[in-house]
Amino acid sequence: MSATSTDLARFAKRDGLPSPDVRRALRRQAGWRQCDVAREVGVGRRTVTRWEAGRHTPSGETLRRYLAVLERMKEDAWR
C-alpha cells in the first residue's frame, strides 16, 4: 500500500491522524522501524504497535509529537 498525501488527507480523522493502516504503510515506505518512531515520539515500541493496530490513539502532547513524526516520515517516503 502506497501512502500519498491524498491518502493521508482522505483517511485523516478529526484528531488529524490517518487510519492505522495508512500510518503503518507510511512508516514502512519511509524505511522507519517502530522503535524509531517510538524513540522520536518518546514512547515505547509497544505503544506504536498499538497505535498501528488501531487499539489505542495518542492524545495531547504525544499526539502532537506523533503527527510531527508522521510528517517527517511522509517527507522520507517521497524522496
C-alpha atoms as a PDB file:
ATOM      1  CA  MET A   1       0.000   0.000   0.000  1.00  0.00           C
ATOM      2  CA  SER A   2       1.420   3.345  -1.000  1.00  0.00           C
ATOM      3  CA  ALA A   3       0.596   6.288   1.244  1.00  0.00           C
ATOM      4  CA  THR A   4       0.177   9.546  -0.631  1.00  0.00           C
ATOM      5  CA  SER A   5      -0.830  12.990   0.562  1.00  0.00           C
ATOM      6  CA  THR A   6      -4.302  12.278  -0.824  1.00  0.00           C
ATOM      7  CA  ASP A   7      -4.471   9.098   1.264  1.00  0.00           C
ATOM      8  CA  LEU A   8      -3.359  10.990   4.353  1.00  0.00           C
ATOM      9  CA  ALA A   9      -5.965  13.678   3.860  1.00  0.00           C
ATOM     10  CA  ARG A  10      -8.718  11.208   2.977  1.00  0.00           C
ATOM     11  CA  PHE A  11      -8.051   8.966   5.942  1.00  0.00           C
ATOM     12  CA  ALA A  12      -7.373  11.726   8.466  1.00  0.00           C
ATOM     13  CA  LYS A  13      -9.751  11.780  11.387  1.00  0.00           C
ATOM     14  CA  ARG A  14     -10.770  14.725  13.482  1.00  0.00           C
ATOM     15  CA  ASP A  15      -7.584  14.313  15.548  1.00  0.00           C
ATOM     16  CA  GLY A  16      -5.531  14.726  12.369  1.00  0.00           C
ATOM     17  CA  LEU A  17      -4.347  11.125  12.256  1.00  0.00           C
ATOM     18  CA  PRO A  18      -4.648   8.973   9.158  1.00  0.00           C
ATOM     19  CA  SER A  19      -6.022   5.474   9.667  1.00  0.00           C
ATOM     20  CA  PRO A  20      -3.769   2.928  11.400  1.00  0.00           C
ATOM     21  CA  ASP A  21      -3.227   1.093   8.087  1.00  0.00           C
ATOM     22  CA  VAL A  22      -2.059   4.275   6.371  1.00  0.00           C
ATOM     23  CA  ARG A  23       0.245   5.149   9.290  1.00  0.00           C
ATOM     24  CA  ARG A  24       1.839   1.692   9.152  1.00  0.00           C
ATOM     25  CA  ALA A  25       2.216   1.839   5.357  1.00  0.00           C
ATOM     26  CA  LEU A  26       3.765   5.294   5.558  1.00  0.00           C
ATOM     27  CA  ARG A  27       6.267   4.144   8.194  1.00  0.00           C
ATOM     28  CA  ARG A  28       7.276   1.143   6.111  1.00  0.00           C
ATOM     29  CA  GLN A  29       7.531   3.158   2.907  1.00  0.00           C
ATOM     30  CA  ALA A  30       9.762   5.680   4.680  1.00  0.00           C
ATOM     31  CA  GLY A  31      12.021   2.886   5.937  1.00  0.00           C
ATOM     32  CA  TRP A  32      11.370   3.583   9.622  1.00  0.00           C
ATOM     33  CA  ARG A  33      11.050   0.898  12.279  1.00  0.00           C
ATOM     34  CA  GLN A  34       8.527   1.040  15.099  1.00  0.00           C
ATOM     35  CA  CYS A  35      11.373   1.552  17.559  1.00  0.00           C
ATOM     36  CA  ASP A  36      12.484   4.613  15.520  1.00  0.00           C
ATOM     37  CA  VAL A  37       9.007   6.127  15.784  1.00  0.00           C
ATOM     38  CA  ALA A  38       8.816   5.289  19.486  1.00  0.00           C
ATOM     39  CA  ARG A  39      12.160   6.953  20.203  1.00  0.00           C
ATOM     40  CA  GLU A  40      11.215  10.110  18.303  1.00  0.00           C
ATOM     41  CA  VAL A  41       7.801  10.392  19.981  1.00  0.00           C
ATOM     42  CA  GLY A  42       9.066   9.418  23.440  1.00  0.00           C
ATOM     43  CA  VAL A  43       7.010   6.262  23.961  1.00  0.00           C
ATOM     44  CA  GLY A  44       7.670   2.529  23.974  1.00  0.00           C
ATOM     45  CA  ARG A  45       7.662   0.419  20.806  1.00  0.00           C
ATOM     46  CA  ARG A  46       4.611  -1.499  22.052  1.00  0.00           C
ATOM     47  CA  THR A  47       2.696   1.774  22.163  1.00  0.00           C
ATOM     48  CA  VAL A  48       3.439   2.358  18.471  1.00  0.00           C
ATOM     49  CA  THR A  49       2.320  -1.228  17.781  1.00  0.00           C
ATOM     50  CA  ARG A  50      -0.995  -0.486  19.493  1.00  0.00           C
ATOM     51  CA  TRP A  51      -1.443   2.741  17.521  1.00  0.00           C
ATOM     52  CA  GLU A  52      -0.795   0.950  14.234  1.00  0.00           C
ATOM     53  CA  ALA A  53      -3.217  -1.825  15.190  1.00  0.00           C
ATOM     54  CA  GLY A  54      -5.914   0.735  15.979  1.00  0.00           C
ATOM     55  CA  ARG A  55      -6.179  -0.362  19.616  1.00  0.00           C
ATOM     56  CA  HIS A  56      -5.061   2.974  21.061  1.00  0.00           C
ATOM     57  CA  THR A  57      -4.812   6.575  19.880  1.00  0.00           C
ATOM     58  CA  PRO A  58      -2.325   9.142  21.148  1.00  0.00           C
ATOM     59  CA  SER A  59      -3.602  12.354  22.683  1.00  0.00           C
ATOM     60  CA  GLY A  60      -2.312  15.662  23.960  1.00  0.00           C
ATOM     61  CA  GLU A  61       1.391  16.345  23.607  1.00  0.00           C
ATOM     62  CA  THR A  62       2.054  12.764  22.488  1.00  0.00           C
ATOM     63  CA  LEU A  63      -0.376  13.233  19.595  1.00  0.00           C
ATOM     64  CA  ARG A  64       1.380  16.450  18.587  1.00  0.00           C
ATOM     65  CA  ARG A  65       4.788  14.725  18.576  1.00  0.00           C
ATOM     66  CA  TYR A  66       3.405  11.732  16.655  1.00  0.00           C
ATOM     67  CA  LEU A  67       1.890  13.995  13.998  1.00  0.00           C
ATOM     68  CA  ALA A  68       5.266  15.715  13.597  1.00  0.00           C
ATOM     69  CA  VAL A  69       6.951  12.321  13.159  1.00  0.00           C
ATOM     70  CA  LEU A  70       4.326  11.293  10.584  1.00  0.00           C
ATOM     71  CA  GLU A  71       5.145  14.441   8.605  1.00  0.00           C
ATOM     72  CA  ARG A  72       8.864  13.599   8.690  1.00  0.00           C
ATOM     73  CA  MET A  73       8.111  10.052   7.557  1.00  0.00           C
ATOM     74  CA  LYS A  74       5.997  11.424   4.722  1.00  0.00           C
ATOM     75  CA  GLU A  75       8.966  13.505   3.561  1.00  0.00           C
ATOM     76  CA  ASP A  76      11.283  10.487   3.808  1.00  0.00           C
ATOM     77  CA  ALA A  77       8.845   8.283   1.880  1.00  0.00           C
ATOM     78  CA  TRP A  78       8.616  10.694  -1.050  1.00  0.00           C
ATOM     79  CA  ARG A  79      12.337  11.237  -1.560  1.00  0.00           C
END
